[in-house]
Amino acid sequence: MADSADQRLLKMTTTITSEGIRRSYVEAETAYVYQSQAITDLRRMKILFFDEQGNLKSTLVADKGLLGNYSNRLEARGNVIVTSPDGRRLTTQHLLYDKQANRITIDSAFTSEGPTGRLSGNCMESDPGFNNVSVCQPRGVQKGQGFLLPGQKPDSL
């Protein structure tokens, strides 16, 4: 497929802004641009995501990725690692991020570790802030106050 690319970029970097605020920064060792499909195929990629004020929210690295130029969808494959400034780390082999739907989907085994515990499972769906998370076959350890189950009230812990 790479030989049919409209452009091949080596050591590609780009910053995506909105209303003058940095939203993401993308770098790749190699990028193949397919204009008719409106996708960029990234190899050895790193993406920095920023919040509404331009502060670093998370960093994603992976062996490969497909970036939808207009769809705002990202598919990361191979040794996917997402880290946050507060010490959280998520590892998996395949991750989908759909900005329009505001969803992160993982359809393979994953592990998430951080200061409050460790969680792993065989698949996951979540909002980007990991506030509403659904996990297939969850396993893990929670430190501190624990977590709320559906229908549970904070004072019942």
N, C-alpha and C. Protein backbone atom coordinates (compact mmCIF):
# COMPACT_ATOMS: atom_id res chain seq x y z
N MET A 1 0.81 -1.20 0.00
CA MET A 1 0.00 0.00 0.00
C MET A 1 0.85 1.27 0.00
N ALA A 2 2.01 1.23 0.67
CA ALA A 2 2.82 2.44 0.80
C ALA A 2 3.26 3.00 -0.55
N ASP A 3 3.44 2.13 -1.56
CA ASP A 3 3.87 2.62 -2.86
C ASP A 3 2.76 3.36 -3.61
N SER A 4 1.51 3.27 -3.15
CA SER A 4 0.42 4.00 -3.79
C SER A 4 0.08 5.30 -3.06
N ALA A 5 0.86 5.66 -2.07
CA ALA A 5 0.61 6.89 -1.31
C ALA A 5 0.84 8.11 -2.18
N ASP A 6 0.06 9.16 -1.92
CA ASP A 6 0.24 10.42 -2.64
C ASP A 6 1.49 11.15 -2.18
N GLN A 7 1.82 10.98 -0.90
CA GLN A 7 3.02 11.60 -0.35
C GLN A 7 3.64 10.66 0.67
N ARG A 8 4.96 10.70 0.77
CA ARG A 8 5.67 9.99 1.82
C ARG A 8 6.50 11.03 2.56
N LEU A 9 6.27 11.12 3.86
CA LEU A 9 6.97 12.11 4.67
C LEU A 9 7.87 11.39 5.65
N LEU A 10 9.10 11.84 5.76
CA LEU A 10 10.05 11.28 6.72
C LEU A 10 10.21 12.26 7.87
N LYS A 11 10.20 11.73 9.08
CA LYS A 11 10.31 12.55 10.30
C LYS A 11 9.26 13.67 10.29
N MET A 12 8.01 13.26 10.09
CA MET A 12 6.89 14.19 9.99
C MET A 12 6.47 14.69 11.37
N THR A 13 6.20 15.98 11.48
CA THR A 13 5.61 16.56 12.68
C THR A 13 4.56 17.57 12.25
N THR A 14 3.50 17.67 13.04
CA THR A 14 2.48 18.67 12.79
C THR A 14 1.78 19.01 14.10
N THR A 15 1.37 20.25 14.22
CA THR A 15 0.63 20.71 15.39
C THR A 15 -0.77 21.08 14.93
N ILE A 16 -1.78 20.58 15.62
CA ILE A 16 -3.16 20.88 15.29
C ILE A 16 -3.68 21.87 16.33
N THR A 17 -4.20 22.99 15.84
CA THR A 17 -4.72 24.02 16.74
C THR A 17 -6.18 24.31 16.42
N SER A 18 -6.86 24.90 17.38
CA SER A 18 -8.23 25.34 17.19
C SER A 18 -8.40 26.64 17.96
N GLU A 19 -8.81 27.69 17.25
CA GLU A 19 -8.97 29.01 17.85
C GLU A 19 -7.71 29.46 18.57
N GLY A 20 -6.57 29.16 17.98
CA GLY A 20 -5.29 29.60 18.51
C GLY A 20 -4.74 28.77 19.66
N ILE A 21 -5.44 27.70 20.05
CA ILE A 21 -4.99 26.86 21.16
C ILE A 21 -4.54 25.51 20.61
N ARG A 22 -3.38 25.07 21.05
CA ARG A 22 -2.83 23.78 20.63
C ARG A 22 -3.72 22.65 21.14
N ARG A 23 -4.18 21.78 20.24
CA ARG A 23 -5.04 20.65 20.60
C ARG A 23 -4.30 19.32 20.56
N SER A 24 -3.40 19.17 19.58
CA SER A 24 -2.60 17.95 19.52
C SER A 24 -1.33 18.22 18.71
N TYR A 25 -0.38 17.35 18.95
CA TYR A 25 0.90 17.39 18.25
C TYR A 25 1.17 15.97 17.79
N VAL A 26 1.46 15.80 16.51
CA VAL A 26 1.67 14.48 15.92
C VAL A 26 3.07 14.41 15.34
N GLU A 27 3.77 13.33 15.65
CA GLU A 27 5.06 13.09 14.99
C GLU A 27 5.13 11.62 14.61
N ALA A 28 5.82 11.36 13.52
CA ALA A 28 5.98 9.99 13.04
C ALA A 28 7.32 9.87 12.33
N GLU A 29 7.91 8.69 12.47
CA GLU A 29 9.16 8.44 11.75
C GLU A 29 8.90 8.50 10.24
N THR A 30 7.77 7.90 9.81
CA THR A 30 7.35 7.92 8.42
C THR A 30 5.85 8.09 8.37
N ALA A 31 5.36 8.87 7.42
CA ALA A 31 3.92 9.05 7.24
C ALA A 31 3.60 8.92 5.75
N TYR A 32 2.57 8.15 5.45
CA TYR A 32 2.09 7.98 4.08
C TYR A 32 0.72 8.66 3.99
N VAL A 33 0.59 9.63 3.09
CA VAL A 33 -0.65 10.39 2.95
C VAL A 33 -1.42 9.87 1.75
N TYR A 34 -2.69 9.51 1.99
CA TYR A 34 -3.60 9.05 0.94
C TYR A 34 -4.72 10.08 0.84
N GLN A 35 -4.59 11.00 -0.13
CA GLN A 35 -5.52 12.11 -0.22
C GLN A 35 -6.93 11.67 -0.58
N SER A 36 -7.10 10.71 -1.49
CA SER A 36 -8.44 10.29 -1.91
C SER A 36 -9.20 9.62 -0.77
N GLN A 37 -8.49 8.96 0.15
CA GLN A 37 -9.13 8.32 1.30
C GLN A 37 -9.13 9.23 2.53
N ALA A 38 -8.45 10.36 2.45
CA ALA A 38 -8.35 11.33 3.55
C ALA A 38 -7.80 10.69 4.82
N ILE A 39 -6.75 9.87 4.65
CA ILE A 39 -6.10 9.27 5.82
C ILE A 39 -4.58 9.43 5.71
N THR A 40 -3.95 9.39 6.86
CA THR A 40 -2.49 9.39 6.94
C THR A 40 -2.09 8.16 7.71
N ASP A 41 -1.23 7.35 7.11
CA ASP A 41 -0.72 6.12 7.72
C ASP A 41 0.60 6.47 8.40
N LEU A 42 0.62 6.37 9.72
CA LEU A 42 1.79 6.78 10.51
C LEU A 42 2.57 5.56 10.97
N ARG A 43 3.88 5.64 10.95
CA ARG A 43 4.76 4.58 11.45
C ARG A 43 5.64 5.14 12.56
N ARG A 44 5.76 4.37 13.64
CA ARG A 44 6.50 4.82 14.84
C ARG A 44 6.04 6.22 15.22
N MET A 45 4.82 6.26 15.70
CA MET A 45 4.15 7.54 15.93
C MET A 45 4.10 7.92 17.40
N LYS A 46 3.94 9.22 17.60
CA LYS A 46 3.76 9.78 18.94
C LYS A 46 2.78 10.94 18.79
N ILE A 47 1.74 10.94 19.65
CA ILE A 47 0.75 12.01 19.61
C ILE A 47 0.58 12.57 21.01
N LEU A 48 0.66 13.87 21.12
CA LEU A 48 0.40 14.56 22.38
C LEU A 48 -0.99 15.19 22.28
N PHE A 49 -1.85 14.96 23.28
CA PHE A 49 -3.17 15.54 23.33
C PHE A 49 -3.20 16.62 24.41
N PHE A 50 -3.88 17.73 24.12
CA PHE A 50 -3.95 18.86 25.03
C PHE A 50 -5.40 19.18 25.39
N ASP A 51 -5.62 19.77 26.56
CA ASP A 51 -6.96 20.14 26.98
C ASP A 51 -7.36 21.49 26.38
N GLU A 52 -8.51 22.01 26.80
CA GLU A 52 -9.05 23.25 26.25
C GLU A 52 -8.16 24.46 26.51
N GLN A 53 -7.30 24.39 27.54
CA GLN A 53 -6.40 25.49 27.84
C GLN A 53 -5.02 25.30 27.20
N GLY A 54 -4.80 24.18 26.53
CA GLY A 54 -3.51 23.92 25.90
C GLY A 54 -2.54 23.17 26.78
N ASN A 55 -3.00 22.63 27.91
CA ASN A 55 -2.15 21.85 28.81
C ASN A 55 -2.12 20.39 28.37
N LEU A 56 -0.97 19.75 28.54
CA LEU A 56 -0.82 18.35 28.15
C LEU A 56 -1.80 17.47 28.93
N LYS A 57 -2.59 16.67 28.21
CA LYS A 57 -3.57 15.77 28.80
C LYS A 57 -3.08 14.33 28.76
N SER A 58 -2.49 13.91 27.63
CA SER A 58 -1.97 12.55 27.52
C SER A 58 -1.04 12.45 26.33
N THR A 59 -0.22 11.39 26.35
CA THR A 59 0.71 11.09 25.27
C THR A 59 0.47 9.67 24.81
N LEU A 60 0.35 9.46 23.51
CA LEU A 60 0.14 8.14 22.93
C LEU A 60 1.32 7.82 22.02
N VAL A 61 1.91 6.64 22.19
CA VAL A 61 2.94 6.15 21.27
C VAL A 61 2.50 4.78 20.77
N ALA A 62 2.85 4.47 19.53
CA ALA A 62 2.49 3.18 18.94
C ALA A 62 3.39 2.91 17.74
N ASP A 63 3.44 1.64 17.36
CA ASP A 63 4.22 1.26 16.18
C ASP A 63 3.61 1.81 14.90
N LYS A 64 2.25 1.76 14.80
CA LYS A 64 1.55 2.19 13.59
C LYS A 64 0.26 2.90 13.97
N GLY A 65 -0.23 3.71 13.02
CA GLY A 65 -1.50 4.37 13.26
C GLY A 65 -2.11 4.88 11.97
N LEU A 66 -3.42 4.95 11.96
CA LEU A 66 -4.16 5.57 10.86
C LEU A 66 -4.88 6.77 11.43
N LEU A 67 -4.66 7.91 10.81
CA LEU A 67 -5.26 9.16 11.26
C LEU A 67 -6.20 9.65 10.18
N GLY A 68 -7.51 9.74 10.52
CA GLY A 68 -8.50 10.26 9.57
C GLY A 68 -8.38 11.76 9.49
N ASN A 69 -8.02 12.28 8.33
CA ASN A 69 -7.76 13.70 8.19
C ASN A 69 -9.00 14.56 8.42
N TYR A 70 -10.18 14.07 8.07
CA TYR A 70 -11.42 14.82 8.28
C TYR A 70 -12.34 14.17 9.29
N SER A 71 -12.22 12.87 9.48
CA SER A 71 -13.12 12.16 10.38
C SER A 71 -12.71 12.31 11.85
N ASN A 72 -11.49 12.77 12.10
CA ASN A 72 -10.97 12.89 13.47
C ASN A 72 -10.97 11.55 14.19
N ARG A 73 -10.69 10.49 13.46
CA ARG A 73 -10.56 9.16 14.05
C ARG A 73 -9.09 8.76 14.02
N LEU A 74 -8.67 8.09 15.08
CA LEU A 74 -7.31 7.60 15.18
C LEU A 74 -7.36 6.12 15.52
N GLU A 75 -6.63 5.33 14.77
CA GLU A 75 -6.48 3.91 15.07
C GLU A 75 -5.00 3.66 15.31
N ALA A 76 -4.66 3.22 16.51
CA ALA A 76 -3.26 2.95 16.87
C ALA A 76 -3.09 1.44 17.02
N ARG A 77 -1.98 0.90 16.48
CA ARG A 77 -1.71 -0.54 16.53
C ARG A 77 -0.27 -0.80 16.91
N GLY A 78 -0.08 -1.88 17.67
CA GLY A 78 1.26 -2.34 17.99
C GLY A 78 1.92 -1.57 19.11
N ASN A 79 2.07 -2.22 20.26
CA ASN A 79 2.75 -1.61 21.41
C ASN A 79 2.22 -0.22 21.73
N VAL A 80 0.90 -0.11 21.84
CA VAL A 80 0.25 1.16 22.13
C VAL A 80 0.41 1.46 23.63
N ILE A 81 0.94 2.63 23.93
CA ILE A 81 1.11 3.08 25.31
C ILE A 81 0.57 4.50 25.41
N VAL A 82 -0.36 4.69 26.35
CA VAL A 82 -0.91 6.02 26.61
C VAL A 82 -0.53 6.39 28.04
N THR A 83 0.10 7.54 28.22
CA THR A 83 0.49 8.00 29.55
C THR A 83 -0.13 9.38 29.81
N SER A 84 -0.34 9.68 31.09
CA SER A 84 -0.87 10.99 31.46
C SER A 84 0.10 11.65 32.44
N PRO A 85 0.04 12.97 32.55
CA PRO A 85 0.95 13.68 33.45
C PRO A 85 0.81 13.26 34.92
N ASP A 86 -0.36 12.73 35.32
CA ASP A 86 -0.55 12.34 36.71
C ASP A 86 -0.10 10.90 37.02
N GLY A 87 0.61 10.27 36.08
CA GLY A 87 1.21 8.96 36.34
C GLY A 87 0.40 7.76 35.90
N ARG A 88 -0.71 7.96 35.21
CA ARG A 88 -1.47 6.82 34.70
C ARG A 88 -0.86 6.32 33.40
N ARG A 89 -0.98 5.00 33.17
CA ARG A 89 -0.39 4.38 31.98
C ARG A 89 -1.32 3.27 31.50
N LEU A 90 -1.66 3.30 30.22
CA LEU A 90 -2.50 2.28 29.59
C LEU A 90 -1.70 1.62 28.48
N THR A 91 -1.69 0.28 28.45
CA THR A 91 -0.97 -0.44 27.39
C THR A 91 -1.93 -1.43 26.73
N THR A 92 -1.82 -1.55 25.41
CA THR A 92 -2.64 -2.47 24.63
C THR A 92 -1.99 -2.65 23.26
N GLN A 93 -2.60 -3.47 22.43
CA GLN A 93 -2.09 -3.65 21.07
C GLN A 93 -2.93 -2.91 20.03
N HIS A 94 -4.17 -2.50 20.39
CA HIS A 94 -5.04 -1.85 19.42
C HIS A 94 -5.98 -0.89 20.15
N LEU A 95 -6.01 0.35 19.70
CA LEU A 95 -6.85 1.37 20.33
C LEU A 95 -7.48 2.22 19.24
N LEU A 96 -8.77 2.52 19.39
CA LEU A 96 -9.48 3.41 18.48
C LEU A 96 -9.93 4.64 19.26
N TYR A 97 -9.71 5.82 18.70
CA TYR A 97 -10.19 7.06 19.30
C TYR A 97 -11.03 7.78 18.26
N ASP A 98 -12.28 8.03 18.60
CA ASP A 98 -13.21 8.73 17.71
C ASP A 98 -13.58 10.05 18.38
N LYS A 99 -13.03 11.14 17.88
CA LYS A 99 -13.26 12.45 18.49
C LYS A 99 -14.72 12.87 18.35
N GLN A 100 -15.35 12.59 17.19
CA GLN A 100 -16.74 12.96 16.97
C GLN A 100 -17.66 12.29 17.99
N ALA A 101 -17.44 11.00 18.24
CA ALA A 101 -18.26 10.25 19.20
C ALA A 101 -17.77 10.43 20.63
N ASN A 102 -16.60 11.04 20.79
CA ASN A 102 -15.98 11.24 22.10
C ASN A 102 -15.78 9.90 22.82
N ARG A 103 -15.25 8.90 22.08
CA ARG A 103 -15.11 7.54 22.60
C ARG A 103 -13.72 6.99 22.33
N ILE A 104 -13.23 6.21 23.29
CA ILE A 104 -12.04 5.39 23.12
C ILE A 104 -12.51 3.95 23.19
N THR A 105 -12.11 3.14 22.22
CA THR A 105 -12.48 1.74 22.18
C THR A 105 -11.22 0.90 22.07
N ILE A 106 -11.13 -0.12 22.92
CA ILE A 106 -10.03 -1.09 22.87
C ILE A 106 -10.67 -2.46 22.69
N ASP A 107 -10.31 -3.16 21.61
CA ASP A 107 -10.92 -4.46 21.34
C ASP A 107 -9.94 -5.62 21.56
N SER A 108 -8.91 -5.37 22.35
CA SER A 108 -7.93 -6.41 22.67
C SER A 108 -7.55 -6.27 24.15
N ALA A 109 -6.75 -7.18 24.65
CA ALA A 109 -6.34 -7.13 26.05
C ALA A 109 -5.62 -5.81 26.35
N PHE A 110 -5.85 -5.30 27.55
CA PHE A 110 -5.21 -4.05 27.95
C PHE A 110 -4.90 -4.09 29.44
N THR A 111 -4.00 -3.20 29.85
CA THR A 111 -3.69 -2.99 31.26
C THR A 111 -3.60 -1.49 31.50
N SER A 112 -4.23 -1.04 32.57
CA SER A 112 -4.17 0.36 32.96
C SER A 112 -3.64 0.41 34.39
N GLU A 113 -2.59 1.20 34.60
CA GLU A 113 -1.98 1.31 35.92
C GLU A 113 -1.85 2.78 36.30
N GLY A 114 -1.95 3.03 37.59
CA GLY A 114 -1.81 4.40 38.06
C GLY A 114 -1.69 4.44 39.56
N PRO A 115 -1.66 5.62 40.12
CA PRO A 115 -1.49 5.77 41.57
C PRO A 115 -2.60 5.12 42.39
N THR A 116 -3.80 4.97 41.80
CA THR A 116 -4.93 4.42 42.56
C THR A 116 -5.16 2.93 42.32
N GLY A 117 -4.35 2.29 41.47
CA GLY A 117 -4.53 0.86 41.27
C GLY A 117 -4.19 0.40 39.87
N ARG A 118 -4.61 -0.83 39.60
CA ARG A 118 -4.33 -1.47 38.30
C ARG A 118 -5.62 -2.13 37.82
N LEU A 119 -5.90 -2.00 36.53
CA LEU A 119 -7.07 -2.60 35.92
C LEU A 119 -6.65 -3.24 34.61
N SER A 120 -7.15 -4.44 34.36
CA SER A 120 -6.91 -5.06 33.06
C SER A 120 -8.20 -5.74 32.60
N GLY A 121 -8.27 -6.05 31.33
CA GLY A 121 -9.44 -6.69 30.77
C GLY A 121 -9.18 -7.09 29.33
N ASN A 122 -10.21 -7.63 28.69
CA ASN A 122 -10.08 -8.10 27.31
C ASN A 122 -10.60 -7.10 26.29
N CYS A 123 -11.35 -6.09 26.73
CA CYS A 123 -11.78 -5.00 25.87
C CYS A 123 -12.29 -3.87 26.76
N MET A 124 -12.43 -2.69 26.18
CA MET A 124 -12.85 -1.53 26.96
C MET A 124 -13.46 -0.49 26.06
N GLU A 125 -14.41 0.27 26.60
CA GLU A 125 -14.95 1.44 25.94
C GLU A 125 -15.04 2.54 26.99
N SER A 126 -14.66 3.76 26.61
CA SER A 126 -14.60 4.84 27.59
C SER A 126 -14.68 6.20 26.92
N ASP A 127 -15.01 7.21 27.72
CA ASP A 127 -14.85 8.59 27.27
C ASP A 127 -13.36 8.92 27.41
N PRO A 128 -12.85 9.97 26.74
CA PRO A 128 -11.42 10.28 26.81
C PRO A 128 -10.89 10.56 28.21
N GLY A 129 -11.73 11.01 29.13
CA GLY A 129 -11.28 11.28 30.49
C GLY A 129 -11.33 10.06 31.39
N PHE A 130 -11.76 8.92 30.86
CA PHE A 130 -11.89 7.66 31.61
C PHE A 130 -12.80 7.83 32.83
N ASN A 131 -13.88 8.62 32.67
CA ASN A 131 -14.85 8.79 33.74
C ASN A 131 -15.97 7.75 33.66
N ASN A 132 -16.35 7.37 32.45
CA ASN A 132 -17.38 6.35 32.23
C ASN A 132 -16.75 5.22 31.43
N VAL A 133 -16.41 4.13 32.14
CA VAL A 133 -15.63 3.05 31.55
C VAL A 133 -16.42 1.75 31.60
N SER A 134 -16.42 1.03 30.49
CA SER A 134 -17.02 -0.30 30.43
C SER A 134 -15.92 -1.28 30.03
N VAL A 135 -15.71 -2.32 30.84
CA VAL A 135 -14.61 -3.26 30.63
C VAL A 135 -15.14 -4.67 30.49
N CYS A 136 -14.62 -5.43 29.53
CA CYS A 136 -14.94 -6.84 29.36
C CYS A 136 -14.00 -7.66 30.25
N GLN A 137 -14.55 -8.52 31.08
CA GLN A 137 -13.80 -9.41 31.96
C GLN A 137 -12.74 -8.64 32.77
N PRO A 138 -13.19 -7.67 33.60
CA PRO A 138 -12.23 -6.86 34.36
C PRO A 138 -11.52 -7.64 35.45
N ARG A 139 -10.27 -7.27 35.68
CA ARG A 139 -9.45 -7.79 36.77
C ARG A 139 -8.63 -6.62 37.28
N GLY A 140 -8.35 -6.59 38.57
CA GLY A 140 -7.51 -5.50 39.04
C GLY A 140 -7.49 -5.32 40.53
N VAL A 141 -6.78 -4.26 40.92
CA VAL A 141 -6.60 -3.90 42.32
C VAL A 141 -6.87 -2.41 42.44
N GLN A 142 -7.75 -2.03 43.38
CA GLN A 142 -8.07 -0.63 43.61
C GLN A 142 -7.54 -0.22 44.98
N LYS A 143 -6.81 0.90 45.06
CA LYS A 143 -6.27 1.41 46.31
C LYS A 143 -7.14 2.55 46.82
N GLY A 144 -7.11 2.79 48.10
CA GLY A 144 -7.80 3.95 48.66
C GLY A 144 -9.26 3.71 48.93
N GLN A 145 -10.11 4.66 48.51
CA GLN A 145 -11.54 4.64 48.81
C GLN A 145 -12.32 3.60 48.02
N GLY A 146 -11.73 2.96 47.02
CA GLY A 146 -12.46 2.00 46.19
C GLY A 146 -13.20 2.70 45.08
N PHE A 147 -14.26 2.06 44.57
CA PHE A 147 -15.02 2.63 43.47
C PHE A 147 -16.49 2.32 43.67
N LEU A 148 -17.33 3.07 42.96
CA LEU A 148 -18.77 2.90 43.08
C LEU A 148 -19.28 1.95 42.00
N LEU A 149 -20.13 1.03 42.40
CA LEU A 149 -20.82 0.15 41.47
C LEU A 149 -22.14 0.82 41.09
N PRO A 150 -22.74 0.44 39.94
CA PRO A 150 -24.02 1.05 39.57
C PRO A 150 -25.05 0.86 40.70
N GLY A 151 -25.75 1.94 41.06
CA GLY A 151 -26.77 1.90 42.09
C GLY A 151 -26.23 2.08 43.50
N GLN A 152 -24.92 2.16 43.65
CA GLN A 152 -24.30 2.32 44.96
C GLN A 152 -24.14 3.79 45.29
N LYS A 153 -24.34 4.17 46.55
CA LYS A 153 -24.18 5.57 46.98
C LYS A 153 -22.84 5.72 47.69
N PRO A 154 -22.20 6.90 47.59
CA PRO A 154 -20.90 7.11 48.22
C PRO A 154 -20.87 6.81 49.71
N ASP A 155 -21.95 7.06 50.44
CA ASP A 155 -21.93 6.84 51.88
C ASP A 155 -22.12 5.37 52.27
N SER A 156 -22.36 4.49 51.29
CA SER A 156 -22.54 3.07 51.59
C SER A 156 -21.23 2.30 51.53
N LEU A 157 -20.13 2.98 51.29
CA LEU A 157 -18.83 2.31 51.26
C LEU A 157 -18.44 2.02 52.64
